[in-house]
Protein backbone atom coordinates (compact mmCIF):
# COMPACT_ATOMS: atom_id res chain seq x y z
CA MET A 1 -10.10 -0.42 -55.35
CA THR A 2 -12.35 -2.85 -57.13
CA PHE A 3 -16.06 -2.32 -57.42
CA THR A 4 -18.80 -4.85 -57.94
CA ASP A 5 -20.93 -4.52 -61.06
CA ASP A 6 -23.77 -3.03 -59.00
CA GLU A 7 -21.43 -0.50 -57.38
CA LEU A 8 -20.14 0.51 -60.81
CA ARG A 9 -23.69 1.07 -62.03
CA MET A 10 -24.50 3.21 -58.98
CA LEU A 11 -21.30 5.18 -59.51
CA GLY A 12 -22.27 5.68 -63.13
CA LEU A 13 -25.47 7.39 -62.01
CA CYS A 14 -23.87 9.84 -59.59
CA ALA A 15 -20.43 10.28 -61.20
CA PRO A 16 -21.26 13.39 -63.27
CA THR A 17 -22.32 15.30 -60.15
CA ILE A 18 -19.43 14.03 -58.04
CA LEU A 19 -16.88 14.81 -60.77
CA LYS A 20 -18.25 18.33 -61.15
CA MET A 21 -17.94 18.90 -57.40
CA LEU A 22 -14.40 17.51 -57.30
CA LYS A 23 -13.25 19.55 -60.31
CA ASN A 24 -14.66 22.70 -58.72
CA ARG A 25 -12.80 21.83 -55.53
CA GLU A 26 -9.61 21.25 -57.50
CA GLU A 27 -9.96 24.66 -59.13
CA LYS A 28 -10.51 26.35 -55.74
CA ILE A 29 -7.38 24.72 -54.34
CA VAL A 30 -5.25 25.89 -57.26
CA THR A 31 -6.72 29.39 -57.07
CA ARG A 32 -6.03 29.54 -53.33
CA MET A 33 -2.45 28.33 -53.83
CA TYR A 34 -1.89 30.92 -56.55
CA GLY A 35 -3.25 33.71 -54.36
CA GLU A 36 -1.13 32.65 -51.41
CA PHE A 37 1.97 32.43 -53.62
CA ARG A 38 1.33 35.91 -55.01
CA ASN A 39 1.11 37.13 -51.41
CA GLY A 40 4.49 35.65 -50.49
CA LYS A 41 3.59 32.29 -48.98
CA THR A 42 5.99 29.61 -50.14
CA ASP A 43 4.98 26.63 -47.99
CA HIS A 44 2.25 24.85 -49.94
CA LEU A 45 2.78 21.29 -48.76
CA SER A 46 -0.66 20.85 -47.19
CA ALA A 47 -2.39 22.45 -50.18
CA LEU A 48 -0.46 20.18 -52.54
CA ALA A 49 -1.50 17.16 -50.48
CA GLU A 50 -5.14 18.29 -50.65
CA PHE A 51 -4.80 18.81 -54.41
CA ALA A 52 -3.27 15.35 -54.86
CA CYS A 53 -6.12 13.72 -52.91
CA VAL A 54 -8.77 15.42 -55.01
CA ARG A 55 -6.90 14.57 -58.22
CA ASP A 56 -6.64 10.91 -57.11
CA GLN A 57 -10.38 10.79 -56.43
CA ILE A 58 -11.13 12.20 -59.88
CA HIS A 59 -8.81 9.63 -61.45
CA GLU A 60 -10.35 6.75 -59.50
CA ILE A 61 -13.88 7.72 -60.53
CA THR A 62 -12.98 8.17 -64.20
CA SER A 63 -11.17 4.81 -64.16
CA ALA A 64 -14.24 3.17 -62.60
CA LEU A 65 -16.42 4.71 -65.31
CA GLY A 66 -14.12 3.16 -67.90
CA ARG A 67 -14.63 -0.23 -66.25
CA LEU A 68 -18.38 0.42 -66.26
CA GLU A 69 -18.25 0.88 -70.02
CA GLN A 70 -16.44 -2.45 -70.29
CA VAL A 71 -19.11 -4.13 -68.15
CA LYS A 72 -21.87 -2.64 -70.31
CA GLY A 73 -20.09 -3.84 -73.44
CA SER A 74 -19.91 -7.41 -72.15
């Protein structure tokens, strides 16, 4: 996804809060999967999909922040 310069600047303002929320969510997913595994559940496909979505969102935001730094440098 490509962002306009203005969108990148707005993302730069809210990214720390959003990243913190997403990383907390990621940790909760992993903790839940671990607990379920320890209790004998072996089907984690939906939890893995949820984890992958959160991880992709984190990656997309951090990549956008990198582009923001490039825009600021220009």
